Amino acid sequence: MSIWQRPPSLEQLNANRQNTIVELLDIRFEAVEEDCLTASMVVDSRTHQPYGLLHGGASVVLAETVGSMASYQCIDPNRFYCVGLEVNANHIRAVRSGRVTAVCRPVHLGRSSHVWDIRLHGDDGKLSCISRLTVAVVPLGENSPQPVGTL
């Protein structure tokens, strides 16, 4: 059974990258399944820390990006918006180059919060990071933020 309120379109998700950190770090939405969303990010000088390894903060940007977009696809955007409440990450293995791929699956999809499990793997398929993202689902109001793109 699908978790999506509106099935995500990869074309639409990727069109919203323009002029954001998502575009800067070459994060690309790669796949949609009934219960998960997948995105990948380049591992190069844009995402390296000084020792030439993938920066942990860049891994968190990827995790929060894919989790936030997954939450957005699970709500009615005419009534709600989503904001991140908490994100954590355990860095398991170093990645030096290529791309890391994040697979995002729900742990909890409630009326007022979502919790996502996001697993990052390098090109070799080995686990590099485990992240959890908690998102608040907030009713739209007078001062609500507006999406930049055509979400």
N, C-alpha and C. Protein backbone atom coordinates (compact mmCIF):
# COMPACT_ATOMS: atom_id res chain seq x y z
N MET A 1 0.84 -1.19 0.00
CA MET A 1 0.00 0.00 0.00
C MET A 1 0.88 1.25 0.00
N SER A 2 0.58 2.19 -0.84
CA SER A 2 1.38 3.40 -0.99
C SER A 2 1.20 4.36 0.18
N ILE A 3 2.29 5.01 0.57
CA ILE A 3 2.25 6.00 1.65
C ILE A 3 1.95 7.41 1.13
N TRP A 4 1.95 7.59 -0.18
CA TRP A 4 1.91 8.93 -0.76
C TRP A 4 0.49 9.48 -0.87
N GLN A 5 0.31 10.72 -0.41
CA GLN A 5 -0.94 11.47 -0.63
C GLN A 5 -1.03 11.82 -2.12
N ARG A 6 0.11 12.24 -2.67
CA ARG A 6 0.26 12.53 -4.09
C ARG A 6 1.51 11.79 -4.54
N PRO A 7 1.39 10.83 -5.45
CA PRO A 7 2.59 10.10 -5.88
C PRO A 7 3.65 11.07 -6.40
N PRO A 8 4.86 11.00 -5.85
CA PRO A 8 5.92 11.92 -6.29
C PRO A 8 6.31 11.70 -7.74
N SER A 9 6.54 12.78 -8.43
CA SER A 9 7.06 12.75 -9.80
C SER A 9 8.55 13.09 -9.72
N LEU A 10 9.41 12.20 -10.20
CA LEU A 10 10.85 12.48 -10.18
C LEU A 10 11.17 13.75 -10.95
N GLU A 11 10.48 13.95 -12.06
CA GLU A 11 10.71 15.15 -12.86
C GLU A 11 10.40 16.41 -12.05
N GLN A 12 9.28 16.40 -11.35
CA GLN A 12 8.89 17.55 -10.55
C GLN A 12 9.83 17.75 -9.35
N LEU A 13 10.17 16.66 -8.66
CA LEU A 13 11.08 16.77 -7.52
C LEU A 13 12.42 17.36 -7.96
N ASN A 14 12.95 16.88 -9.07
CA ASN A 14 14.24 17.37 -9.56
C ASN A 14 14.16 18.79 -10.11
N ALA A 15 13.00 19.20 -10.60
CA ALA A 15 12.84 20.57 -11.11
C ALA A 15 12.93 21.59 -9.98
N ASN A 16 12.64 21.19 -8.75
CA ASN A 16 12.67 22.10 -7.61
C ASN A 16 14.06 22.31 -7.03
N ARG A 17 15.08 21.76 -7.64
CA ARG A 17 16.46 21.89 -7.15
C ARG A 17 17.04 23.27 -7.42
N GLN A 18 16.56 23.93 -8.45
CA GLN A 18 17.18 25.16 -8.95
C GLN A 18 17.35 26.21 -7.87
N ASN A 19 18.58 26.76 -7.81
CA ASN A 19 18.94 27.85 -6.89
C ASN A 19 18.79 27.47 -5.42
N THR A 20 19.07 26.21 -5.10
CA THR A 20 19.02 25.74 -3.71
C THR A 20 20.29 24.95 -3.40
N ILE A 21 20.47 24.61 -2.13
CA ILE A 21 21.59 23.76 -1.75
C ILE A 21 21.50 22.40 -2.43
N VAL A 22 20.30 21.98 -2.76
CA VAL A 22 20.08 20.70 -3.44
C VAL A 22 20.78 20.72 -4.79
N GLU A 23 20.65 21.81 -5.53
CA GLU A 23 21.34 21.94 -6.82
C GLU A 23 22.85 22.07 -6.61
N LEU A 24 23.26 22.87 -5.64
CA LEU A 24 24.68 23.10 -5.37
C LEU A 24 25.42 21.80 -5.09
N LEU A 25 24.79 20.90 -4.33
CA LEU A 25 25.43 19.63 -3.97
C LEU A 25 25.09 18.51 -4.94
N ASP A 26 24.43 18.83 -6.03
CA ASP A 26 24.06 17.86 -7.08
C ASP A 26 23.28 16.69 -6.49
N ILE A 27 22.29 17.02 -5.64
CA ILE A 27 21.38 16.00 -5.12
C ILE A 27 20.31 15.76 -6.18
N ARG A 28 20.11 14.48 -6.50
CA ARG A 28 19.13 14.09 -7.52
C ARG A 28 18.17 13.05 -6.95
N PHE A 29 16.91 13.26 -7.19
CA PHE A 29 15.92 12.26 -6.82
C PHE A 29 15.96 11.18 -7.88
N GLU A 30 16.09 9.92 -7.43
CA GLU A 30 16.38 8.81 -8.33
C GLU A 30 15.23 7.83 -8.50
N ALA A 31 14.47 7.57 -7.43
CA ALA A 31 13.44 6.52 -7.52
C ALA A 31 12.35 6.76 -6.48
N VAL A 32 11.15 6.32 -6.86
CA VAL A 32 9.99 6.34 -5.97
C VAL A 32 9.39 4.94 -5.97
N GLU A 33 9.16 4.41 -4.78
CA GLU A 33 8.45 3.15 -4.64
C GLU A 33 7.25 3.40 -3.73
N GLU A 34 6.46 2.36 -3.47
CA GLU A 34 5.25 2.53 -2.66
C GLU A 34 5.53 3.05 -1.26
N ASP A 35 6.71 2.72 -0.71
CA ASP A 35 7.00 3.09 0.66
C ASP A 35 8.36 3.75 0.85
N CYS A 36 8.99 4.22 -0.23
CA CYS A 36 10.28 4.88 -0.05
C CYS A 36 10.58 5.84 -1.20
N LEU A 37 11.48 6.77 -0.88
CA LEU A 37 11.97 7.75 -1.84
C LEU A 37 13.50 7.67 -1.80
N THR A 38 14.12 7.69 -2.97
CA THR A 38 15.57 7.56 -3.08
C THR A 38 16.15 8.78 -3.77
N ALA A 39 17.27 9.27 -3.22
CA ALA A 39 17.99 10.39 -3.83
C ALA A 39 19.48 10.11 -3.69
N SER A 40 20.29 10.75 -4.54
CA SER A 40 21.74 10.58 -4.44
C SER A 40 22.42 11.94 -4.47
N MET A 41 23.68 11.96 -4.01
CA MET A 41 24.45 13.20 -3.94
C MET A 41 25.89 12.90 -4.37
N VAL A 42 26.49 13.83 -5.04
CA VAL A 42 27.88 13.71 -5.47
C VAL A 42 28.80 13.73 -4.25
N VAL A 43 29.90 13.00 -4.36
CA VAL A 43 30.97 13.07 -3.35
C VAL A 43 32.20 13.57 -4.09
N ASP A 44 32.48 14.86 -3.93
CA ASP A 44 33.63 15.50 -4.56
C ASP A 44 34.00 16.72 -3.72
N SER A 45 34.74 17.65 -4.27
CA SER A 45 35.21 18.81 -3.49
C SER A 45 34.07 19.62 -2.88
N ARG A 46 32.88 19.56 -3.46
CA ARG A 46 31.73 20.29 -2.89
C ARG A 46 31.26 19.70 -1.58
N THR A 47 31.50 18.41 -1.40
CA THR A 47 30.96 17.72 -0.22
C THR A 47 32.04 17.11 0.67
N HIS A 48 33.32 17.36 0.35
CA HIS A 48 34.42 16.83 1.15
C HIS A 48 34.69 17.67 2.38
N GLN A 49 35.18 17.04 3.42
CA GLN A 49 35.80 17.75 4.54
C GLN A 49 37.30 17.83 4.22
N PRO A 50 38.11 18.52 5.05
CA PRO A 50 39.51 18.76 4.69
C PRO A 50 40.37 17.52 4.45
N TYR A 51 39.97 16.33 4.92
CA TYR A 51 40.77 15.13 4.69
C TYR A 51 40.34 14.36 3.45
N GLY A 52 39.48 14.95 2.63
CA GLY A 52 39.07 14.31 1.38
C GLY A 52 37.98 13.27 1.53
N LEU A 53 37.30 13.27 2.68
CA LEU A 53 36.19 12.34 2.91
C LEU A 53 34.87 13.10 2.84
N LEU A 54 33.79 12.37 2.59
CA LEU A 54 32.46 12.97 2.60
C LEU A 54 32.22 13.61 3.96
N HIS A 55 31.86 14.88 3.96
CA HIS A 55 31.58 15.64 5.18
C HIS A 55 30.29 15.12 5.80
N GLY A 56 30.29 14.90 7.10
CA GLY A 56 29.09 14.42 7.78
C GLY A 56 27.92 15.37 7.62
N GLY A 57 28.18 16.66 7.60
CA GLY A 57 27.11 17.63 7.40
C GLY A 57 26.46 17.51 6.04
N ALA A 58 27.26 17.17 5.03
CA ALA A 58 26.70 16.96 3.69
C ALA A 58 25.78 15.74 3.68
N SER A 59 26.16 14.69 4.41
CA SER A 59 25.29 13.52 4.53
C SER A 59 23.97 13.91 5.17
N VAL A 60 24.02 14.77 6.16
CA VAL A 60 22.80 15.23 6.84
C VAL A 60 21.95 16.06 5.89
N VAL A 61 22.58 16.89 5.06
CA VAL A 61 21.81 17.67 4.07
C VAL A 61 21.06 16.72 3.14
N LEU A 62 21.72 15.67 2.66
CA LEU A 62 21.06 14.70 1.80
C LEU A 62 19.90 14.03 2.53
N ALA A 63 20.14 13.59 3.76
CA ALA A 63 19.10 12.91 4.54
C ALA A 63 17.91 13.83 4.77
N GLU A 64 18.16 15.07 5.18
CA GLU A 64 17.04 15.98 5.45
C GLU A 64 16.31 16.34 4.17
N THR A 65 17.02 16.45 3.07
CA THR A 65 16.39 16.77 1.79
C THR A 65 15.42 15.66 1.38
N VAL A 66 15.88 14.43 1.38
CA VAL A 66 15.01 13.34 0.92
C VAL A 66 13.87 13.11 1.91
N GLY A 67 14.13 13.22 3.21
CA GLY A 67 13.07 13.05 4.20
C GLY A 67 12.02 14.14 4.15
N SER A 68 12.46 15.37 4.00
CA SER A 68 11.52 16.50 3.93
C SER A 68 10.64 16.41 2.69
N MET A 69 11.24 16.03 1.57
CA MET A 69 10.45 15.91 0.35
C MET A 69 9.49 14.73 0.45
N ALA A 70 9.90 13.67 1.11
CA ALA A 70 8.99 12.54 1.32
C ALA A 70 7.80 12.98 2.17
N SER A 71 8.05 13.72 3.25
CA SER A 71 6.95 14.21 4.09
C SER A 71 5.99 15.08 3.28
N TYR A 72 6.55 15.96 2.48
CA TYR A 72 5.71 16.85 1.68
C TYR A 72 4.77 16.07 0.77
N GLN A 73 5.23 14.93 0.27
CA GLN A 73 4.40 14.12 -0.63
C GLN A 73 3.33 13.33 0.13
N CYS A 74 3.41 13.34 1.46
CA CYS A 74 2.46 12.59 2.30
C CYS A 74 1.38 13.48 2.90
N ILE A 75 1.39 14.77 2.59
CA ILE A 75 0.42 15.70 3.18
C ILE A 75 -0.42 16.36 2.11
N ASP A 76 -1.47 17.03 2.53
CA ASP A 76 -2.28 17.87 1.65
C ASP A 76 -1.68 19.28 1.72
N PRO A 77 -0.98 19.74 0.68
CA PRO A 77 -0.30 21.03 0.73
C PRO A 77 -1.25 22.22 0.77
N ASN A 78 -2.53 21.99 0.55
CA ASN A 78 -3.51 23.06 0.67
C ASN A 78 -3.93 23.28 2.13
N ARG A 79 -3.53 22.35 3.00
CA ARG A 79 -3.91 22.44 4.41
C ARG A 79 -2.72 22.45 5.37
N PHE A 80 -1.56 21.90 4.92
CA PHE A 80 -0.41 21.73 5.82
C PHE A 80 0.89 22.08 5.12
N TYR A 81 1.93 22.27 5.93
CA TYR A 81 3.30 22.32 5.45
C TYR A 81 4.17 21.55 6.43
N CYS A 82 5.39 21.24 6.04
CA CYS A 82 6.28 20.42 6.85
C CYS A 82 7.54 21.20 7.21
N VAL A 83 7.99 21.02 8.45
CA VAL A 83 9.26 21.61 8.88
C VAL A 83 10.03 20.57 9.69
N GLY A 84 11.34 20.55 9.50
CA GLY A 84 12.17 19.62 10.24
C GLY A 84 12.23 20.01 11.72
N LEU A 85 12.10 19.03 12.59
CA LEU A 85 12.21 19.24 14.04
C LEU A 85 13.55 18.75 14.56
N GLU A 86 13.99 17.60 14.07
CA GLU A 86 15.23 17.02 14.57
C GLU A 86 15.79 16.09 13.51
N VAL A 87 17.10 16.14 13.38
CA VAL A 87 17.79 15.20 12.48
C VAL A 87 19.04 14.72 13.20
N ASN A 88 19.32 13.44 13.07
CA ASN A 88 20.57 12.92 13.62
C ASN A 88 21.19 11.99 12.60
N ALA A 89 22.46 11.71 12.80
CA ALA A 89 23.16 10.85 11.85
C ALA A 89 24.27 10.10 12.57
N ASN A 90 24.39 8.83 12.25
CA ASN A 90 25.52 8.02 12.68
C ASN A 90 26.34 7.72 11.43
N HIS A 91 27.58 8.17 11.43
CA HIS A 91 28.46 7.98 10.29
C HIS A 91 29.21 6.65 10.48
N ILE A 92 28.96 5.71 9.58
CA ILE A 92 29.42 4.34 9.72
C ILE A 92 30.73 4.09 8.97
N ARG A 93 30.81 4.59 7.74
CA ARG A 93 31.95 4.28 6.88
C ARG A 93 32.26 5.50 6.02
N ALA A 94 33.55 5.75 5.79
CA ALA A 94 33.99 6.88 4.97
C ALA A 94 33.70 6.63 3.50
N VAL A 95 33.36 7.73 2.80
CA VAL A 95 33.20 7.70 1.35
C VAL A 95 34.09 8.81 0.80
N ARG A 96 34.87 8.51 -0.24
CA ARG A 96 35.82 9.48 -0.79
C ARG A 96 35.40 10.06 -2.14
N SER A 97 34.63 9.30 -2.92
CA SER A 97 34.29 9.77 -4.27
C SER A 97 33.03 9.06 -4.75
N GLY A 98 32.57 9.49 -5.91
CA GLY A 98 31.39 8.87 -6.53
C GLY A 98 30.12 9.57 -6.09
N ARG A 99 29.13 8.76 -5.73
CA ARG A 99 27.86 9.29 -5.24
C ARG A 99 27.45 8.47 -4.02
N VAL A 100 26.72 9.10 -3.13
CA VAL A 100 26.06 8.37 -2.05
C VAL A 100 24.57 8.39 -2.35
N THR A 101 23.92 7.28 -2.07
CA THR A 101 22.50 7.15 -2.32
C THR A 101 21.77 7.00 -1.00
N ALA A 102 20.70 7.78 -0.82
CA ALA A 102 19.89 7.76 0.40
C ALA A 102 18.55 7.13 0.09
N VAL A 103 18.17 6.13 0.88
CA VAL A 103 16.85 5.51 0.78
C VAL A 103 16.09 5.87 2.04
N CYS A 104 14.95 6.51 1.84
CA CYS A 104 14.15 7.08 2.93
C CYS A 104 12.85 6.30 3.08
N ARG A 105 12.63 5.75 4.30
CA ARG A 105 11.41 4.98 4.59
C ARG A 105 10.77 5.51 5.86
N PRO A 106 9.45 5.48 5.93
CA PRO A 106 8.78 5.99 7.13
C PRO A 106 8.92 5.04 8.32
N VAL A 107 9.08 5.64 9.48
CA VAL A 107 8.99 4.93 10.75
C VAL A 107 7.61 5.21 11.34
N HIS A 108 7.17 6.47 11.17
CA HIS A 108 5.88 6.91 11.71
C HIS A 108 5.32 8.00 10.81
N LEU A 109 4.07 7.87 10.40
CA LEU A 109 3.38 8.90 9.61
C LEU A 109 2.11 9.28 10.37
N GLY A 110 2.22 10.25 11.26
CA GLY A 110 1.09 10.69 12.05
C GLY A 110 0.47 11.96 11.51
N ARG A 111 -0.56 12.43 12.20
CA ARG A 111 -1.23 13.67 11.77
C ARG A 111 -0.37 14.90 11.97
N SER A 112 0.44 14.91 13.03
CA SER A 112 1.22 16.11 13.33
C SER A 112 2.72 15.91 13.26
N SER A 113 3.16 14.69 13.02
CA SER A 113 4.60 14.45 12.87
C SER A 113 4.86 13.22 12.00
N HIS A 114 6.02 13.26 11.36
CA HIS A 114 6.51 12.13 10.58
C HIS A 114 7.92 11.82 11.08
N VAL A 115 8.27 10.56 11.12
CA VAL A 115 9.64 10.14 11.45
C VAL A 115 10.12 9.25 10.32
N TRP A 116 11.33 9.56 9.82
CA TRP A 116 11.89 8.86 8.66
C TRP A 116 13.21 8.20 9.02
N ASP A 117 13.43 7.00 8.50
CA ASP A 117 14.70 6.30 8.57
C ASP A 117 15.37 6.46 7.21
N ILE A 118 16.58 7.01 7.21
CA ILE A 118 17.28 7.27 5.95
C ILE A 118 18.64 6.57 6.01
N ARG A 119 18.89 5.70 5.05
CA ARG A 119 20.14 4.93 4.99
C ARG A 119 20.92 5.38 3.76
N LEU A 120 22.18 5.78 3.98
CA LEU A 120 23.06 6.20 2.90
C LEU A 120 24.07 5.11 2.60
N HIS A 121 24.28 4.85 1.30
CA HIS A 121 25.23 3.86 0.82
C HIS A 121 26.12 4.49 -0.24
N GLY A 122 27.39 4.08 -0.26
CA GLY A 122 28.29 4.52 -1.32
C GLY A 122 28.05 3.71 -2.58
N ASP A 123 28.80 4.05 -3.63
CA ASP A 123 28.69 3.32 -4.90
C ASP A 123 28.96 1.83 -4.74
N ASP A 124 29.73 1.46 -3.72
CA ASP A 124 30.05 0.05 -3.48
C ASP A 124 28.92 -0.70 -2.77
N GLY A 125 27.82 0.01 -2.44
CA GLY A 125 26.69 -0.60 -1.78
C GLY A 125 26.82 -0.71 -0.27
N LYS A 126 27.98 -0.29 0.27
CA LYS A 126 28.21 -0.41 1.70
C LYS A 126 27.58 0.77 2.44
N LEU A 127 26.99 0.47 3.57
CA LEU A 127 26.34 1.48 4.40
C LEU A 127 27.35 2.51 4.89
N SER A 128 27.05 3.79 4.68
CA SER A 128 27.96 4.85 5.13
C SER A 128 27.37 5.70 6.25
N CYS A 129 26.03 5.77 6.33
CA CYS A 129 25.40 6.64 7.32
C CYS A 129 23.96 6.18 7.56
N ILE A 130 23.55 6.26 8.81
CA ILE A 130 22.15 6.02 9.17
C ILE A 130 21.65 7.32 9.80
N SER A 131 20.54 7.83 9.29
CA SER A 131 19.98 9.08 9.79
C SER A 131 18.51 8.89 10.14
N ARG A 132 18.06 9.68 11.10
CA ARG A 132 16.63 9.72 11.43
C ARG A 132 16.22 11.19 11.39
N LEU A 133 15.09 11.45 10.74
CA LEU A 133 14.55 12.80 10.61
C LEU A 133 13.15 12.83 11.18
N THR A 134 12.88 13.79 12.05
CA THR A 134 11.54 14.03 12.57
C THR A 134 11.04 15.33 11.97
N VAL A 135 9.85 15.29 11.39
CA VAL A 135 9.25 16.42 10.70
C VAL A 135 7.92 16.76 11.37
N ALA A 136 7.69 18.05 11.60
CA ALA A 136 6.39 18.50 12.11
C ALA A 136 5.48 18.78 10.93
N VAL A 137 4.24 18.34 11.03
CA VAL A 137 3.21 18.63 10.02
C VAL A 137 2.35 19.73 10.64
N VAL A 138 2.42 20.92 10.05
CA VAL A 138 1.84 22.12 10.64
C VAL A 138 0.69 22.63 9.76
N PRO A 139 -0.46 22.98 10.38
CA PRO A 139 -1.56 23.56 9.58
C PRO A 139 -1.13 24.89 8.96
N LEU A 140 -1.56 25.11 7.73
CA LEU A 140 -1.29 26.38 7.07
C LEU A 140 -1.97 27.51 7.82
N GLY A 141 -1.28 28.63 7.87
CA GLY A 141 -1.83 29.82 8.50
C GLY A 141 -1.36 31.06 7.78
N GLU A 142 -1.67 32.19 8.33
CA GLU A 142 -1.36 33.48 7.71
C GLU A 142 0.13 33.67 7.45
N ASN A 143 0.98 33.21 8.35
CA ASN A 143 2.44 33.41 8.23
C ASN A 143 3.18 32.16 7.75
N SER A 144 2.48 31.25 7.12
CA SER A 144 3.11 30.01 6.67
C SER A 144 4.10 30.27 5.54
N PRO A 145 5.23 29.54 5.54
CA PRO A 145 6.17 29.68 4.41
C PRO A 145 5.56 29.13 3.13
N GLN A 146 5.99 29.66 2.02
CA GLN A 146 5.51 29.22 0.72
C GLN A 146 6.63 28.47 0.00
N PRO A 147 6.32 27.35 -0.66
CA PRO A 147 7.36 26.62 -1.39
C PRO A 147 7.93 27.49 -2.50
N VAL A 148 9.21 27.29 -2.76
CA VAL A 148 9.92 28.06 -3.78
C VAL A 148 9.56 27.59 -5.18
N GLY A 149 9.45 26.29 -5.37
CA GLY A 149 9.22 25.72 -6.70
C GLY A 149 7.78 25.29 -6.91
N THR A 150 7.64 24.27 -7.70
CA THR A 150 6.31 23.76 -8.07
C THR A 150 6.04 22.44 -7.41
N LEU A 151 6.28 22.38 -6.11
CA LEU A 151 6.11 21.12 -5.39
C LEU A 151 4.71 20.64 -5.53
